[in-house]
Amino acid sequence: QVQLVESGGGLVQAGGSLRLSCAASGTIYRVNIMGWYRQAPGKQRELVARITSGGSTNYADSVKGRFTISRDNAKNTVYLQMDNLKPEDTGVYYCNGDIYGGTGWVDYWGKGTLVTVSS
């Protein structure tokens, strides 16, 4: 069984920074794309950023230049450095990973971590 556990959310003022982490654990043989999604109150979940095992990245237009995604393949961990945060960045941030474990390739999700940006 594979689990994704996020950490690092919290309350921050506009213009501040936060760093999210997501660690995958369990029976893991290979990890492909990992990413961060967010869901604001009353809105659908949306992609924030994702990164391949080789380090290629892509970002939502709304976070380009402010957020940086990275990963440590040895630790099966993905990070999201969020700078110059804005109130519209508020939401629950979910980690996602395409992981080959004991049951084959599965798209896993974490339970989410809340980010609140005050104006």
C-alpha atoms as a PDB file:
ATOM      1  CA  GLN A   1       0.000   0.000   0.000  1.00  0.00           C
ATOM      2  CA  VAL A   2       1.313   3.443  -0.952  1.00  0.00           C
ATOM      3  CA  GLN A   3       0.567   6.617   0.955  1.00  0.00           C
ATOM      4  CA  LEU A   4       1.237  10.261   0.152  1.00  0.00           C
ATOM      5  CA  VAL A   5       1.528  12.561   3.146  1.00  0.00           C
ATOM      6  CA  GLU A   6       1.647  16.336   2.733  1.00  0.00           C
ATOM      7  CA  SER A   7       3.032  18.834   5.213  1.00  0.00           C
ATOM      8  CA  GLY A   8       3.914  22.516   5.384  1.00  0.00           C
ATOM      9  CA  GLY A   9       0.576  24.243   5.004  1.00  0.00           C
ATOM     10  CA  GLY A  10      -0.525  27.067   7.244  1.00  0.00           C
ATOM     11  CA  LEU A  11      -1.534  30.690   7.530  1.00  0.00           C
ATOM     12  CA  VAL A  12       0.615  33.354   5.925  1.00  0.00           C
ATOM     13  CA  GLN A  13       0.230  37.004   4.984  1.00  0.00           C
ATOM     14  CA  ALA A  14       0.140  38.098   1.379  1.00  0.00           C
ATOM     15  CA  GLY A  15       3.653  38.395   0.024  1.00  0.00           C
ATOM     16  CA  GLY A  16       4.929  35.664   2.302  1.00  0.00           C
ATOM     17  CA  SER A  17       6.271  32.199   1.554  1.00  0.00           C
ATOM     18  CA  LEU A  18       5.518  28.598   2.399  1.00  0.00           C
ATOM     19  CA  ARG A  19       7.152  25.317   1.456  1.00  0.00           C
ATOM     20  CA  LEU A  20       5.036  22.223   1.039  1.00  0.00           C
ATOM     21  CA  SER A  21       6.421  18.706   1.171  1.00  0.00           C
ATOM     22  CA  CYS A  22       4.899  15.411   0.134  1.00  0.00           C
ATOM     23  CA  ALA A  23       6.489  12.079   0.943  1.00  0.00           C
ATOM     24  CA  ALA A  24       5.448   8.814  -0.652  1.00  0.00           C
ATOM     25  CA  SER A  25       5.824   5.678   1.455  1.00  0.00           C
ATOM     26  CA  GLY A  26       5.033   1.993   1.190  1.00  0.00           C
ATOM     27  CA  THR A  27       5.934  -0.566  -1.443  1.00  0.00           C
ATOM     28  CA  ILE A  28       7.307   1.631  -4.239  1.00  0.00           C
ATOM     29  CA  TYR A  29       9.218   0.395  -7.241  1.00  0.00           C
ATOM     30  CA  ARG A  30       9.020   3.439  -9.486  1.00  0.00           C
ATOM     31  CA  VAL A  31       7.626   6.959  -9.391  1.00  0.00           C
ATOM     32  CA  ASN A  32       6.705   8.799 -12.565  1.00  0.00           C
ATOM     33  CA  ILE A  33       5.064  12.221 -12.554  1.00  0.00           C
ATOM     34  CA  MET A  34       4.407  13.920  -9.226  1.00  0.00           C
ATOM     35  CA  GLY A  35       2.411  17.075  -8.836  1.00  0.00           C
ATOM     36  CA  TRP A  36       0.519  19.532  -6.718  1.00  0.00           C
ATOM     37  CA  TYR A  37      -3.121  20.444  -7.178  1.00  0.00           C
ATOM     38  CA  ARG A  38      -5.263  22.831  -5.202  1.00  0.00           C
ATOM     39  CA  GLN A  39      -8.909  23.372  -4.515  1.00  0.00           C
ATOM     40  CA  ALA A  40     -10.223  26.736  -3.414  1.00  0.00           C
ATOM     41  CA  PRO A  41     -13.557  27.017  -1.618  1.00  0.00           C
ATOM     42  CA  GLY A  42     -16.396  26.573  -4.084  1.00  0.00           C
ATOM     43  CA  LYS A  43     -14.077  25.786  -6.988  1.00  0.00           C
ATOM     44  CA  GLN A  44     -12.858  22.697  -8.793  1.00  0.00           C
ATOM     45  CA  ARG A  45      -9.494  21.149  -8.114  1.00  0.00           C
ATOM     46  CA  GLU A  46      -6.834  22.538 -10.456  1.00  0.00           C
ATOM     47  CA  LEU A  47      -3.275  21.712 -11.368  1.00  0.00           C
ATOM     48  CA  VAL A  48      -0.661  23.926  -9.749  1.00  0.00           C
ATOM     49  CA  ALA A  49       2.563  22.281 -10.902  1.00  0.00           C
ATOM     50  CA  ARG A  50       3.976  18.899 -11.812  1.00  0.00           C
ATOM     51  CA  ILE A  51       7.382  17.377 -12.368  1.00  0.00           C
ATOM     52  CA  THR A  52       8.587  14.281 -14.177  1.00  0.00           C
ATOM     53  CA  SER A  53      11.117  11.824 -12.818  1.00  0.00           C
ATOM     54  CA  GLY A  54      13.667  13.490 -15.084  1.00  0.00           C
ATOM     55  CA  GLY A  55      12.964  16.935 -13.659  1.00  0.00           C
ATOM     56  CA  SER A  56      10.844  18.496 -16.395  1.00  0.00           C
ATOM     57  CA  THR A  57       8.260  20.852 -14.959  1.00  0.00           C
ATOM     58  CA  ASN A  58       5.143  22.703 -15.904  1.00  0.00           C
ATOM     59  CA  TYR A  59       3.095  25.247 -14.003  1.00  0.00           C
ATOM     60  CA  ALA A  60      -0.299  26.849 -14.020  1.00  0.00           C
ATOM     61  CA  ASP A  61      -0.078  30.334 -15.507  1.00  0.00           C
ATOM     62  CA  SER A  62      -1.304  31.834 -12.246  1.00  0.00           C
ATOM     63  CA  VAL A  63       1.755  30.617 -10.310  1.00  0.00           C
ATOM     64  CA  LYS A  64       4.538  30.933 -12.875  1.00  0.00           C
ATOM     65  CA  GLY A  65       7.443  32.920 -11.509  1.00  0.00           C
ATOM     66  CA  ARG A  66       6.219  32.559  -7.913  1.00  0.00           C
ATOM     67  CA  PHE A  67       6.108  28.799  -7.254  1.00  0.00           C
ATOM     68  CA  THR A  68       8.847  26.218  -7.763  1.00  0.00           C
ATOM     69  CA  ILE A  69       8.325  22.485  -7.785  1.00  0.00           C
ATOM     70  CA  SER A  70      11.186  20.089  -7.103  1.00  0.00           C
ATOM     71  CA  ARG A  71      11.672  16.485  -6.093  1.00  0.00           C
ATOM     72  CA  ASP A  72      14.108  14.155  -4.380  1.00  0.00           C
ATOM     73  CA  ASN A  73      13.857  10.840  -6.187  1.00  0.00           C
ATOM     74  CA  ALA A  74      15.902   9.028  -3.543  1.00  0.00           C
ATOM     75  CA  LYS A  75      13.357  10.039  -0.899  1.00  0.00           C
ATOM     76  CA  ASN A  76      10.254   9.774  -3.114  1.00  0.00           C
ATOM     77  CA  THR A  77       9.443  13.313  -2.029  1.00  0.00           C
ATOM     78  CA  VAL A  78       8.139  16.306  -3.939  1.00  0.00           C
ATOM     79  CA  TYR A  79       8.277  19.910  -2.776  1.00  0.00           C
ATOM     80  CA  LEU A  80       6.477  23.112  -3.650  1.00  0.00           C
ATOM     81  CA  GLN A  81       8.172  26.375  -2.764  1.00  0.00           C
ATOM     82  CA  MET A  82       5.561  29.123  -2.819  1.00  0.00           C
ATOM     83  CA  ASP A  83       6.763  32.728  -2.791  1.00  0.00           C
ATOM     84  CA  ASN A  84       4.945  36.039  -3.075  1.00  0.00           C
ATOM     85  CA  LEU A  85       1.735  34.361  -2.021  1.00  0.00           C
ATOM     86  CA  LYS A  86      -1.562  36.001  -2.842  1.00  0.00           C
ATOM     87  CA  PRO A  87      -4.992  35.626  -1.207  1.00  0.00           C
ATOM     88  CA  GLU A  88      -6.189  33.803  -4.321  1.00  0.00           C
ATOM     89  CA  ASP A  89      -3.640  31.055  -3.583  1.00  0.00           C
ATOM     90  CA  THR A  90      -5.761  30.038  -0.604  1.00  0.00           C
ATOM     91  CA  GLY A  91      -7.025  26.478  -0.731  1.00  0.00           C
ATOM     92  CA  VAL A  92      -6.351  22.872   0.087  1.00  0.00           C
ATOM     93  CA  TYR A  93      -3.215  21.651  -1.666  1.00  0.00           C
ATOM     94  CA  TYR A  94      -3.111  18.002  -2.696  1.00  0.00           C
ATOM     95  CA  CYS A  95      -0.126  15.932  -3.664  1.00  0.00           C
ATOM     96  CA  ASN A  96      -0.481  13.513  -6.566  1.00  0.00           C
ATOM     97  CA  GLY A  97       1.826  10.781  -7.752  1.00  0.00           C
ATOM     98  CA  ASP A  98       1.869   8.236 -10.556  1.00  0.00           C
ATOM     99  CA  ILE A  99       3.461   5.326  -8.710  1.00  0.00           C
ATOM    100  CA  TYR A 100       4.301   1.725  -9.496  1.00  0.00           C
ATOM    101  CA  GLY A 101       3.884  -0.252  -6.313  1.00  0.00           C
ATOM    102  CA  GLY A 102       2.765  -3.688  -5.228  1.00  0.00           C
ATOM    103  CA  THR A 103      -0.461  -3.391  -7.255  1.00  0.00           C
ATOM    104  CA  GLY A 104       0.987  -1.933 -10.447  1.00  0.00           C
ATOM    105  CA  TRP A 105       0.699   1.663 -11.701  1.00  0.00           C
ATOM    106  CA  VAL A 106      -1.738   3.688  -9.616  1.00  0.00           C
ATOM    107  CA  ASP A 107      -2.558   7.382  -9.428  1.00  0.00           C
ATOM    108  CA  TYR A 108      -2.293   8.236  -5.725  1.00  0.00           C
ATOM    109  CA  TRP A 109      -3.521  11.302  -3.845  1.00  0.00           C
ATOM    110  CA  GLY A 110      -2.663  12.722  -0.461  1.00  0.00           C
ATOM    111  CA  LYS A 111      -5.307  13.982   1.952  1.00  0.00           C
ATOM    112  CA  GLY A 112      -4.334  17.605   1.453  1.00  0.00           C
ATOM    113  CA  THR A 113      -2.866  20.447   3.444  1.00  0.00           C
ATOM    114  CA  LEU A 114      -4.581  23.795   3.935  1.00  0.00           C
ATOM    115  CA  VAL A 115      -2.910  27.002   2.799  1.00  0.00           C
ATOM    116  CA  THR A 116      -4.512  30.266   3.865  1.00  0.00           C
ATOM    117  CA  VAL A 117      -3.177  33.589   2.612  1.00  0.00           C
ATOM    118  CA  SER A 118      -4.495  36.663   4.360  1.00  0.00           C
ATOM    119  CA  SER A 119      -4.608  40.089   2.730  1.00  0.00           C
END
